[in-house]
Amino acid sequence: MHLDLPEKRYYAIGEVAKAFGVNTSLIRFWENEFDILTPKKNAKGNRKFTPEDVKNLQLIYHLVKEKGFTLEGAKIHLKEGKKEKVDNFEIIRRLEHAKAELLKIKENL
């Protein structure tokens, strides 16, 4: 899944939810369920997601929505530290990004 987010230091929950095509409530729910999601909160309580948080959300989205893991299964998968699968996910994510960039170039030709 390729996300179309600009390069920023922090993202609002609405931006992140729109990029994933889900409701903000799902992002908040996943924040409570998964320990690897730790967005910063300002004085008003608004969540600000770092690029690392977005990367973790991509992994969670991939496991739950694309691979069909249950929440408990995804938690176990992440806690067991399946490093090689996380690395594979990162490689796939980078290749999808490169593919999207090449398709944009092709459209402009």
PDB file of N, CA and C in Angstrom:
ATOM      1  N   MET A   1       0.844  -1.174   0.000  1.00  0.00           N
ATOM      2  CA  MET A   1       0.000   0.000   0.000  1.00  0.00           C
ATOM      3  C   MET A   1       0.889   1.237   0.000  1.00  0.00           C
ATOM      4  N   HIS A   2       0.675   2.067  -0.989  1.00  0.00           N
ATOM      5  CA  HIS A   2       1.443   3.305  -1.091  1.00  0.00           C
ATOM      6  C   HIS A   2       0.622   4.448  -0.489  1.00  0.00           C
ATOM      7  N   LEU A   3       1.237   5.175   0.430  1.00  0.00           N
ATOM      8  CA  LEU A   3       0.574   6.321   1.057  1.00  0.00           C
ATOM      9  C   LEU A   3       1.032   7.600   0.385  1.00  0.00           C
ATOM     10  N   ASP A   4       0.089   8.469   0.139  1.00  0.00           N
ATOM     11  CA  ASP A   4       0.414   9.747  -0.482  1.00  0.00           C
ATOM     12  C   ASP A   4       0.411  10.835   0.587  1.00  0.00           C
ATOM     13  N   LEU A   5       1.457  10.817   1.418  1.00  0.00           N
ATOM     14  CA  LEU A   5       1.607  11.806   2.479  1.00  0.00           C
ATOM     15  C   LEU A   5       2.819  12.678   2.178  1.00  0.00           C
ATOM     16  N   PRO A   6       2.723  13.978   2.412  1.00  0.00           N
ATOM     17  CA  PRO A   6       3.894  14.846   2.215  1.00  0.00           C
ATOM     18  C   PRO A   6       4.942  14.572   3.295  1.00  0.00           C
ATOM     19  N   GLU A   7       6.176  14.935   3.012  1.00  0.00           N
ATOM     20  CA  GLU A   7       7.252  14.778   3.992  1.00  0.00           C
ATOM     21  C   GLU A   7       7.082  15.829   5.088  1.00  0.00           C
ATOM     22  N   LYS A   8       6.705  15.385   6.276  1.00  0.00           N
ATOM     23  CA  LYS A   8       6.516  16.289   7.412  1.00  0.00           C
ATOM     24  C   LYS A   8       7.059  15.627   8.666  1.00  0.00           C
ATOM     25  N   ARG A   9       7.234  16.442   9.690  1.00  0.00           N
ATOM     26  CA  ARG A   9       7.693  15.920  10.969  1.00  0.00           C
ATOM     27  C   ARG A   9       6.546  15.276  11.741  1.00  0.00           C
ATOM     28  N   TYR A  10       5.353  15.866  11.654  1.00  0.00           N
ATOM     29  CA  TYR A  10       4.179  15.351  12.351  1.00  0.00           C
ATOM     30  C   TYR A  10       2.966  15.389  11.433  1.00  0.00           C
ATOM     31  N   TYR A  11       2.097  14.402  11.598  1.00  0.00           N
ATOM     32  CA  TYR A  11       0.858  14.320  10.835  1.00  0.00           C
ATOM     33  C   TYR A  11      -0.318  14.301  11.803  1.00  0.00           C
ATOM     34  N   ALA A  12      -1.393  14.989  11.431  1.00  0.00           N
ATOM     35  CA  ALA A  12      -2.619  14.955  12.231  1.00  0.00           C
ATOM     36  C   ALA A  12      -3.323  13.624  11.981  1.00  0.00           C
ATOM     37  N   ILE A  13      -4.166  13.230  12.911  1.00  0.00           N
ATOM     38  CA  ILE A  13      -4.856  11.952  12.785  1.00  0.00           C
ATOM     39  C   ILE A  13      -5.757  11.923  11.551  1.00  0.00           C
ATOM     40  N   GLY A  14      -6.328  13.064  11.192  1.00  0.00           N
ATOM     41  CA  GLY A  14      -7.168  13.131  10.001  1.00  0.00           C
ATOM     42  C   GLY A  14      -6.384  12.864   8.726  1.00  0.00           C
ATOM     43  N   GLU A  15      -5.166  13.411   8.649  1.00  0.00           N
ATOM     44  CA  GLU A  15      -4.314  13.172   7.491  1.00  0.00           C
ATOM     45  C   GLU A  15      -3.957  11.695   7.364  1.00  0.00           C
ATOM     46  N   VAL A  16      -3.628  11.101   8.492  1.00  0.00           N
ATOM     47  CA  VAL A  16      -3.232   9.692   8.495  1.00  0.00           C
ATOM     48  C   VAL A  16      -4.420   8.809   8.113  1.00  0.00           C
ATOM     49  N   ALA A  17      -5.579   9.081   8.700  1.00  0.00           N
ATOM     50  CA  ALA A  17      -6.767   8.281   8.400  1.00  0.00           C
ATOM     51  C   ALA A  17      -7.143   8.398   6.927  1.00  0.00           C
ATOM     52  N   LYS A  18      -7.048   9.593   6.378  1.00  0.00           N
ATOM     53  CA  LYS A  18      -7.374   9.802   4.965  1.00  0.00           C
ATOM     54  C   LYS A  18      -6.397   9.043   4.068  1.00  0.00           C
ATOM     55  N   ALA A  19      -5.121   9.057   4.424  1.00  0.00           N
ATOM     56  CA  ALA A  19      -4.109   8.357   3.628  1.00  0.00           C
ATOM     57  C   ALA A  19      -4.357   6.848   3.615  1.00  0.00           C
ATOM     58  N   PHE A  20      -4.817   6.307   4.742  1.00  0.00           N
ATOM     59  CA  PHE A  20      -5.099   4.875   4.833  1.00  0.00           C
ATOM     60  C   PHE A  20      -6.497   4.519   4.334  1.00  0.00           C
ATOM     61  N   GLY A  21      -7.353   5.524   4.192  1.00  0.00           N
ATOM     62  CA  GLY A  21      -8.717   5.266   3.757  1.00  0.00           C
ATOM     63  C   GLY A  21      -9.577   4.632   4.835  1.00  0.00           C
ATOM     64  N   VAL A  22      -9.322   5.013   6.090  1.00  0.00           N
ATOM     65  CA  VAL A  22     -10.089   4.481   7.228  1.00  0.00           C
ATOM     66  C   VAL A  22     -10.597   5.651   8.068  1.00  0.00           C
ATOM     67  N   ASN A  23     -11.454   5.336   9.021  1.00  0.00           N
ATOM     68  CA  ASN A  23     -11.954   6.354   9.947  1.00  0.00           C
ATOM     69  C   ASN A  23     -10.907   6.653  11.017  1.00  0.00           C
ATOM     70  N   THR A  24     -10.982   7.858  11.567  1.00  0.00           N
ATOM     71  CA  THR A  24     -10.058   8.223  12.645  1.00  0.00           C
ATOM     72  C   THR A  24     -10.274   7.352  13.868  1.00  0.00           C
ATOM     73  N   SER A  25     -11.490   6.867  14.054  1.00  0.00           N
ATOM     74  CA  SER A  25     -11.772   6.020  15.208  1.00  0.00           C
ATOM     75  C   SER A  25     -10.961   4.719  15.151  1.00  0.00           C
ATOM     76  N   LEU A  26     -10.732   4.195  13.945  1.00  0.00           N
ATOM     77  CA  LEU A  26      -9.931   2.976  13.815  1.00  0.00           C
ATOM     78  C   LEU A  26      -8.485   3.250  14.200  1.00  0.00           C
ATOM     79  N   ILE A  27      -7.972   4.402  13.810  1.00  0.00           N
ATOM     80  CA  ILE A  27      -6.597   4.764  14.175  1.00  0.00           C
ATOM     81  C   ILE A  27      -6.481   4.878  15.695  1.00  0.00           C
ATOM     82  N   ARG A  28      -7.451   5.533  16.323  1.00  0.00           N
ATOM     83  CA  ARG A  28      -7.438   5.658  17.791  1.00  0.00           C
ATOM     84  C   ARG A  28      -7.555   4.285  18.455  1.00  0.00           C
ATOM     85  N   PHE A  29      -8.382   3.414  17.898  1.00  0.00           N
ATOM     86  CA  PHE A  29      -8.542   2.062  18.442  1.00  0.00           C
ATOM     87  C   PHE A  29      -7.225   1.297  18.359  1.00  0.00           C
ATOM     88  N   TRP A  30      -6.573   1.353  17.196  1.00  0.00           N
ATOM     89  CA  TRP A  30      -5.289   0.670  17.045  1.00  0.00           C
ATOM     90  C   TRP A  30      -4.246   1.251  17.979  1.00  0.00           C
ATOM     91  N   GLU A  31      -4.316   2.543  18.234  1.00  0.00           N
ATOM     92  CA  GLU A  31      -3.376   3.161  19.171  1.00  0.00           C
ATOM     93  C   GLU A  31      -3.510   2.531  20.561  1.00  0.00           C
ATOM     94  N   ASN A  32      -4.743   2.263  20.971  1.00  0.00           N
ATOM     95  CA  ASN A  32      -4.978   1.639  22.278  1.00  0.00           C
ATOM     96  C   ASN A  32      -4.603   0.166  22.291  1.00  0.00           C
ATOM     97  N   GLU A  33      -4.704  -0.496  21.158  1.00  0.00           N
ATOM     98  CA  GLU A  33      -4.457  -1.935  21.085  1.00  0.00           C
ATOM     99  C   GLU A  33      -2.985  -2.299  20.910  1.00  0.00           C
ATOM    100  N   PHE A  34      -2.239  -1.487  20.187  1.00  0.00           N
ATOM    101  CA  PHE A  34      -0.853  -1.822  19.847  1.00  0.00           C
ATOM    102  C   PHE A  34       0.113  -0.886  20.560  1.00  0.00           C
ATOM    103  N   ASP A  35       1.060  -1.484  21.268  1.00  0.00           N
ATOM    104  CA  ASP A  35       2.031  -0.718  22.043  1.00  0.00           C
ATOM    105  C   ASP A  35       3.034   0.032  21.168  1.00  0.00           C
ATOM    106  N   ILE A  36       3.208  -0.395  19.923  1.00  0.00           N
ATOM    107  CA  ILE A  36       4.211   0.259  19.080  1.00  0.00           C
ATOM    108  C   ILE A  36       3.734   1.612  18.560  1.00  0.00           C
ATOM    109  N   LEU A  37       2.447   1.907  18.697  1.00  0.00           N
ATOM    110  CA  LEU A  37       1.925   3.212  18.288  1.00  0.00           C
ATOM    111  C   LEU A  37       1.954   4.161  19.472  1.00  0.00           C
ATOM    112  N   THR A  38       2.759   5.194  19.353  1.00  0.00           N
ATOM    113  CA  THR A  38       2.876   6.172  20.439  1.00  0.00           C
ATOM    114  C   THR A  38       2.868   7.585  19.879  1.00  0.00           C
ATOM    115  N   PRO A  39       1.725   8.049  19.363  1.00  0.00           N
ATOM    116  CA  PRO A  39       1.705   9.422  18.854  1.00  0.00           C
ATOM    117  C   PRO A  39       1.835  10.426  19.988  1.00  0.00           C
ATOM    118  N   LYS A  40       2.425  11.547  19.669  1.00  0.00           N
ATOM    119  CA  LYS A  40       2.545  12.619  20.660  1.00  0.00           C
ATOM    120  C   LYS A  40       1.199  13.334  20.747  1.00  0.00           C
ATOM    121  N   LYS A  41       0.902  13.870  21.930  1.00  0.00           N
ATOM    122  CA  LYS A  41      -0.337  14.624  22.113  1.00  0.00           C
ATOM    123  C   LYS A  41       0.018  16.021  22.599  1.00  0.00           C
ATOM    124  N   ASN A  42      -0.666  17.011  22.030  1.00  0.00           N
ATOM    125  CA  ASN A  42      -0.424  18.380  22.470  1.00  0.00           C
ATOM    126  C   ASN A  42      -1.304  18.690  23.686  1.00  0.00           C
ATOM    127  N   ALA A  43      -1.306  19.935  24.124  1.00  0.00           N
ATOM    128  CA  ALA A  43      -2.052  20.318  25.334  1.00  0.00           C
ATOM    129  C   ALA A  43      -3.550  20.057  25.187  1.00  0.00           C
ATOM    130  N   LYS A  44      -4.062  20.170  23.978  1.00  0.00           N
ATOM    131  CA  LYS A  44      -5.488  19.916  23.746  1.00  0.00           C
ATOM    132  C   LYS A  44      -5.806  18.430  23.639  1.00  0.00           C
ATOM    133  N   GLY A  45      -4.784  17.605  23.510  1.00  0.00           N
ATOM    134  CA  GLY A  45      -4.993  16.167  23.372  1.00  0.00           C
ATOM    135  C   GLY A  45      -5.020  15.699  21.927  1.00  0.00           C
ATOM    136  N   ASN A  46      -4.718  16.598  20.990  1.00  0.00           N
ATOM    137  CA  ASN A  46      -4.676  16.207  19.578  1.00  0.00           C
ATOM    138  C   ASN A  46      -3.455  15.338  19.321  1.00  0.00           C
ATOM    139  N   ARG A  47      -3.663  14.257  18.590  1.00  0.00           N
ATOM    140  CA  ARG A  47      -2.580  13.335  18.297  1.00  0.00           C
ATOM    141  C   ARG A  47      -1.753  13.852  17.113  1.00  0.00           C
ATOM    142  N   LYS A  48      -0.444  13.716  17.255  1.00  0.00           N
ATOM    143  CA  LYS A  48       0.489  14.060  16.183  1.00  0.00           C
ATOM    144  C   LYS A  48       1.351  12.826  15.927  1.00  0.00           C
ATOM    145  N   PHE A  49       1.224  12.279  14.730  1.00  0.00           N
ATOM    146  CA  PHE A  49       1.926  11.057  14.367  1.00  0.00           C
ATOM    147  C   PHE A  49       3.237  11.384  13.670  1.00  0.00           C
ATOM    148  N   THR A  50       4.299  10.730  14.084  1.00  0.00           N
ATOM    149  CA  THR A  50       5.608  10.883  13.456  1.00  0.00           C
ATOM    150  C   THR A  50       5.680   9.945  12.249  1.00  0.00           C
ATOM    151  N   PRO A  51       6.651  10.149  11.366  1.00  0.00           N
ATOM    152  CA  PRO A  51       6.818   9.194  10.260  1.00  0.00           C
ATOM    153  C   PRO A  51       7.024   7.757  10.745  1.00  0.00           C
ATOM    154  N   GLU A  52       7.653   7.588  11.894  1.00  0.00           N
ATOM    155  CA  GLU A  52       7.839   6.242  12.468  1.00  0.00           C
ATOM    156  C   GLU A  52       6.489   5.645  12.862  1.00  0.00           C
ATOM    157  N   ASP A  53       5.600   6.462  13.430  1.00  0.00           N
ATOM    158  CA  ASP A  53       4.258   5.998  13.764  1.00  0.00           C
ATOM    159  C   ASP A  53       3.493   5.586  12.508  1.00  0.00           C
ATOM    160  N   VAL A  54       3.650   6.362  11.448  1.00  0.00           N
ATOM    161  CA  VAL A  54       2.967   6.043  10.186  1.00  0.00           C
ATOM    162  C   VAL A  54       3.499   4.723   9.631  1.00  0.00           C
ATOM    163  N   LYS A  55       4.805   4.515   9.756  1.00  0.00           N
ATOM    164  CA  LYS A  55       5.411   3.256   9.305  1.00  0.00           C
ATOM    165  C   LYS A  55       4.848   2.080  10.104  1.00  0.00           C
ATOM    166  N   ASN A  56       4.701   2.252  11.418  1.00  0.00           N
ATOM    167  CA  ASN A  56       4.118   1.204  12.252  1.00  0.00           C
ATOM    168  C   ASN A  56       2.650   0.978  11.899  1.00  0.00           C
ATOM    169  N   LEU A  57       1.934   2.046  11.596  1.00  0.00           N
ATOM    170  CA  LEU A  57       0.542   1.906  11.171  1.00  0.00           C
ATOM    171  C   LEU A  57       0.449   1.145   9.852  1.00  0.00           C
ATOM    172  N   GLN A  58       1.391   1.378   8.955  1.00  0.00           N
ATOM    173  CA  GLN A  58       1.400   0.637   7.699  1.00  0.00           C
ATOM    174  C   GLN A  58       1.573  -0.853   7.960  1.00  0.00           C
ATOM    175  N   LEU A  59       2.450  -1.181   8.890  1.00  0.00           N
ATOM    176  CA  LEU A  59       2.676  -2.589   9.225  1.00  0.00           C
ATOM    177  C   LEU A  59       1.411  -3.194   9.830  1.00  0.00           C
ATOM    178  N   ILE A  60       0.776  -2.487  10.737  1.00  0.00           N
ATOM    179  CA  ILE A  60      -0.461  -2.977  11.351  1.00  0.00           C
ATOM    180  C   ILE A  60      -1.551  -3.123  10.300  1.00  0.00           C
ATOM    181  N   TYR A  61      -1.690  -2.118   9.440  1.00  0.00           N
ATOM    182  CA  TYR A  61      -2.693  -2.166   8.373  1.00  0.00           C
ATOM    183  C   TYR A  61      -2.441  -3.371   7.473  1.00  0.00           C
ATOM    184  N   HIS A  62      -1.182  -3.589   7.130  1.00  0.00           N
ATOM    185  CA  HIS A  62      -0.819  -4.715   6.276  1.00  0.00           C
ATOM    186  C   HIS A  62      -1.203  -6.041   6.925  1.00  0.00           C
ATOM    187  N   LEU A  63      -0.883  -6.183   8.199  1.00  0.00           N
ATOM    188  CA  LEU A  63      -1.187  -7.441   8.887  1.00  0.00           C
ATOM    189  C   LEU A  63      -2.689  -7.657   9.038  1.00  0.00           C
ATOM    190  N   VAL A  64      -3.413  -6.624   9.461  1.00  0.00           N
ATOM    191  CA  VAL A  64      -4.833  -6.781   9.789  1.00  0.00           C
ATOM    192  C   VAL A  64      -5.720  -6.737   8.546  1.00  0.00           C
ATOM    193  N   LYS A  65      -5.519  -5.745   7.711  1.00  0.00           N
ATOM    194  CA  LYS A  65      -6.421  -5.545   6.572  1.00  0.00           C
ATOM    195  C   LYS A  65      -6.032  -6.344   5.333  1.00  0.00           C
ATOM    196  N   GLU A  66      -4.738  -6.461   5.069  1.00  0.00           N
ATOM    197  CA  GLU A  66      -4.313  -7.132   3.840  1.00  0.00           C
ATOM    198  C   GLU A  66      -4.039  -8.618   4.045  1.00  0.00           C
ATOM    199  N   LYS A  67      -3.415  -8.980   5.154  1.00  0.00           N
ATOM    200  CA  LYS A  67      -3.104 -10.377   5.417  1.00  0.00           C
ATOM    201  C   LYS A  67      -4.213 -11.108   6.161  1.00  0.00           C
ATOM    202  N   GLY A  68      -5.152 -10.358   6.765  1.00  0.00           N
ATOM    203  CA  GLY A  68      -6.281 -10.980   7.449  1.00  0.00           C
ATOM    204  C   GLY A  68      -5.988 -11.473   8.854  1.00  0.00           C
ATOM    205  N   PHE A  69      -4.959 -10.938   9.495  1.00  0.00           N
ATOM    206  CA  PHE A  69      -4.660 -11.319  10.874  1.00  0.00           C
ATOM    207  C   PHE A  69      -5.765 -10.795  11.789  1.00  0.00           C
ATOM    208  N   THR A  70      -6.023 -11.517  12.863  1.00  0.00           N
ATOM    209  CA  THR A  70      -6.873 -10.963  13.915  1.00  0.00           C
ATOM    210  C   THR A  70      -6.018  -9.971  14.701  1.00  0.00           C
ATOM    211  N   LEU A  71      -6.652  -9.164  15.541  1.00  0.00           N
ATOM    212  CA  LEU A  71      -5.871  -8.216  16.343  1.00  0.00           C
ATOM    213  C   LEU A  71      -4.900  -8.950  17.254  1.00  0.00           C
ATOM    214  N   GLU A  72      -5.372 -10.013  17.871  1.00  0.00           N
ATOM    215  CA  GLU A  72      -4.493 -10.789  18.759  1.00  0.00           C
ATOM    216  C   GLU A  72      -3.347 -11.419  17.969  1.00  0.00           C
ATOM    217  N   GLY A  73      -3.649 -11.931  16.787  1.00  0.00           N
ATOM    218  CA  GLY A  73      -2.611 -12.516  15.946  1.00  0.00           C
ATOM    219  C   GLY A  73      -1.583 -11.492  15.519  1.00  0.00           C
ATOM    220  N   ALA A  74      -2.037 -10.299  15.183  1.00  0.00           N
ATOM    221  CA  ALA A  74      -1.111  -9.234  14.798  1.00  0.00           C
ATOM    222  C   ALA A  74      -0.247  -8.824  15.986  1.00  0.00           C
ATOM    223  N   LYS A  75      -0.845  -8.738  17.174  1.00  0.00           N
ATOM    224  CA  LYS A  75      -0.071  -8.387  18.371  1.00  0.00           C
ATOM    225  C   LYS A  75       1.021  -9.419  18.630  1.00  0.00           C
ATOM    226  N   ILE A  76       0.643 -10.693  18.552  1.00  0.00           N
ATOM    227  CA  ILE A  76       1.617 -11.767  18.774  1.00  0.00           C
ATOM    228  C   ILE A  76       2.714 -11.709  17.726  1.00  0.00           C
ATOM    229  N   HIS A  77       2.322 -11.493  16.487  1.00  0.00           N
ATOM    230  CA  HIS A  77       3.285 -11.423  15.392  1.00  0.00           C
ATOM    231  C   HIS A  77       4.290 -10.292  15.633  1.00  0.00           C
ATOM    232  N   LEU A  78       3.802  -9.152  16.066  1.00  0.00           N
ATOM    233  CA  LEU A  78       4.696  -8.015  16.315  1.00  0.00           C
ATOM    234  C   LEU A  78       5.560  -8.236  17.550  1.00  0.00           C
ATOM    235  N   LYS A  79       4.996  -8.835  18.593  1.00  0.00           N
ATOM    236  CA  LYS A  79       5.756  -9.035  19.831  1.00  0.00           C
ATOM    237  C   LYS A  79       6.815 -10.115  19.691  1.00  0.00           C
ATOM    238  N   GLU A  80       6.561 -11.120  18.859  1.00  0.00           N
ATOM    239  CA  GLU A  80       7.550 -12.183  18.677  1.00  0.00           C
ATOM    240  C   GLU A  80       8.770 -11.686  17.918  1.00  0.00           C
ATOM    241  N   GLY A  81       8.632 -10.491  17.351  1.00  0.00           N
ATOM    242  CA  GLY A  81       9.795  -9.888  16.696  1.00  0.00           C
ATOM    243  C   GLY A  81      10.203 -10.607  15.427  1.00  0.00           C
ATOM    244  N   LYS A  82       9.263 -10.901  14.606  1.00  0.00           N
ATOM    245  CA  LYS A  82       9.568 -11.565  13.341  1.00  0.00           C
ATOM    246  C   LYS A  82      10.282 -10.559  12.445  1.00  0.00           C
ATOM    247  N   LYS A  83      11.562 -10.372  12.735  1.00  0.00           N
ATOM    248  CA  LYS A  83      12.366  -9.339  12.080  1.00  0.00           C
ATOM    249  C   LYS A  83      12.430  -9.532  10.570  1.00  0.00           C
ATOM    250  N   GLU A  84      12.588 -10.786  10.124  1.00  0.00           N
ATOM    251  CA  GLU A  84      12.720 -10.999   8.685  1.00  0.00           C
ATOM    252  C   GLU A  84      11.441 -10.620   7.944  1.00  0.00           C
ATOM    253  N   LYS A  85      10.267 -10.839   8.553  1.00  0.00           N
ATOM    254  CA  LYS A  85       9.019 -10.471   7.899  1.00  0.00           C
ATOM    255  C   LYS A  85       8.825  -8.959   7.917  1.00  0.00           C
ATOM    256  N   VAL A  86       9.264  -8.302   8.980  1.00  0.00           N
ATOM    257  CA  VAL A  86       9.189  -6.848   9.038  1.00  0.00           C
ATOM    258  C   VAL A  86      10.118  -6.256   7.982  1.00  0.00           C
ATOM    259  N   ASP A  87      11.301  -6.849   7.821  1.00  0.00           N
ATOM    260  CA  ASP A  87      12.235  -6.397   6.797  1.00  0.00           C
ATOM    261  C   ASP A  87      11.650  -6.593   5.405  1.00  0.00           C
ATOM    262  N   ASN A  88      10.994  -7.742   5.180  1.00  0.00           N
ATOM    263  CA  ASN A  88      10.350  -7.992   3.897  1.00  0.00           C
ATOM    264  C   ASN A  88       9.259  -6.966   3.640  1.00  0.00           C
ATOM    265  N   PHE A  89       8.494  -6.633   4.661  1.00  0.00           N
ATOM    266  CA  PHE A  89       7.449  -5.632   4.507  1.00  0.00           C
ATOM    267  C   PHE A  89       8.050  -4.296   4.110  1.00  0.00           C
ATOM    268  N   GLU A  90       9.158  -3.945   4.728  1.00  0.00           N
ATOM    269  CA  GLU A  90       9.830  -2.680   4.409  1.00  0.00           C
ATOM    270  C   GLU A  90      10.314  -2.673   2.960  1.00  0.00           C
ATOM    271  N   ILE A  91      10.853  -3.779   2.500  1.00  0.00           N
ATOM    272  CA  ILE A  91      11.314  -3.880   1.117  1.00  0.00           C
ATOM    273  C   ILE A  91      10.137  -3.740   0.159  1.00  0.00           C
ATOM    274  N   ILE A  92       9.038  -4.420   0.455  1.00  0.00           N
ATOM    275  CA  ILE A  92       7.845  -4.343  -0.384  1.00  0.00           C
ATOM    276  C   ILE A  92       7.309  -2.918  -0.411  1.00  0.00           C
ATOM    277  N   ARG A  93       7.287  -2.263   0.741  1.00  0.00           N
ATOM    278  CA  ARG A  93       6.797  -0.887   0.821  1.00  0.00           C
ATOM    279  C   ARG A  93       7.645   0.041  -0.046  1.00  0.00           C
ATOM    280  N   ARG A  94       8.949  -0.129  -0.012  1.00  0.00           N
ATOM    281  CA  ARG A  94       9.839   0.712  -0.821  1.00  0.00           C
ATOM    282  C   ARG A  94       9.651   0.439  -2.310  1.00  0.00           C
ATOM    283  N   LEU A  95       9.481  -0.831  -2.668  1.00  0.00           N
ATOM    284  CA  LEU A  95       9.263  -1.160  -4.071  1.00  0.00           C
ATOM    285  C   LEU A  95       7.937  -0.596  -4.578  1.00  0.00           C
ATOM    286  N   GLU A  96       6.905  -0.640  -3.739  1.00  0.00           N
ATOM    287  CA  GLU A  96       5.611  -0.070  -4.132  1.00  0.00           C
ATOM    288  C   GLU A  96       5.723   1.441  -4.316  1.00  0.00           C
ATOM    289  N   HIS A  97       6.507   2.079  -3.476  1.00  0.00           N
ATOM    290  CA  HIS A  97       6.724   3.523  -3.603  1.00  0.00           C
ATOM    291  C   HIS A  97       7.442   3.829  -4.919  1.00  0.00           C
ATOM    292  N   ALA A  98       8.468   3.037  -5.234  1.00  0.00           N
ATOM    293  CA  ALA A  98       9.200   3.234  -6.485  1.00  0.00           C
ATOM    294  C   ALA A  98       8.282   2.996  -7.679  1.00  0.00           C
ATOM    295  N   LYS A  99       7.431   1.990  -7.593  1.00  0.00           N
ATOM    296  CA  LYS A  99       6.489   1.704  -8.678  1.00  0.00           C
ATOM    297  C   LYS A  99       5.538   2.879  -8.882  1.00  0.00           C
ATOM    298  N   ALA A 100       5.032   3.438  -7.795  1.00  0.00           N
ATOM    299  CA  ALA A 100       4.118   4.568  -7.894  1.00  0.00           C
ATOM    300  C   ALA A 100       4.815   5.766  -8.541  1.00  0.00           C
ATOM    301  N   GLU A 101       6.056   6.005  -8.190  1.00  0.00           N
ATOM    302  CA  GLU A 101       6.808   7.107  -8.786  1.00  0.00           C
ATOM    303  C   GLU A 101       7.029   6.875 -10.276  1.00  0.00           C
ATOM    304  N   LEU A 102       7.351   5.639 -10.649  1.00  0.00           N
ATOM    305  CA  LEU A 102       7.564   5.334 -12.057  1.00  0.00           C
ATOM    306  C   LEU A 102       6.257   5.468 -12.856  1.00  0.00           C
ATOM    307  N   LEU A 103       5.143   5.084 -12.263  1.00  0.00           N
ATOM    308  CA  LEU A 103       3.860   5.238 -12.944  1.00  0.00           C
ATOM    309  C   LEU A 103       3.508   6.719 -13.154  1.00  0.00           C
ATOM    310  N   LYS A 104       3.866   7.562 -12.178  1.00  0.00           N
ATOM    311  CA  LYS A 104       3.650   9.008 -12.331  1.00  0.00           C
ATOM    312  C   LYS A 104       4.487   9.538 -13.492  1.00  0.00           C
ATOM    313  N   ILE A 105       5.725   9.095 -13.571  1.00  0.00           N
ATOM    314  CA  ILE A 105       6.605   9.527 -14.660  1.00  0.00           C
ATOM    315  C   ILE A 105       6.046   9.073 -15.994  1.00  0.00           C
ATOM    316  N   LYS A 106       5.571   7.840 -16.049  1.00  0.00           N
ATOM    317  CA  LYS A 106       5.005   7.304 -17.287  1.00  0.00           C
ATOM    318  C   LYS A 106       3.793   8.110 -17.741  1.00  0.00           C
ATOM    319  N   GLU A 107       2.949   8.514 -16.792  1.00  0.00           N
ATOM    320  CA  GLU A 107       1.778   9.306 -17.127  1.00  0.00           C
ATOM    321  C   GLU A 107       2.149  10.675 -17.679  1.00  0.00           C
ATOM    322  N   ASN A 108       3.244  11.232 -17.211  1.00  0.00           N
ATOM    323  CA  ASN A 108       3.679  12.553 -17.658  1.00  0.00           C
ATOM    324  C   ASN A 108       4.359  12.525 -19.030  1.00  0.00           C
ATOM    325  N   LEU A 109       4.728  11.345 -19.510  1.00  0.00           N
ATOM    326  CA  LEU A 109       5.407  11.258 -20.815  1.00  0.00           C
ATOM    327  C   LEU A 109       4.460  11.410 -21.953  1.00  0.00           C
TER     328      LEU A 109
END
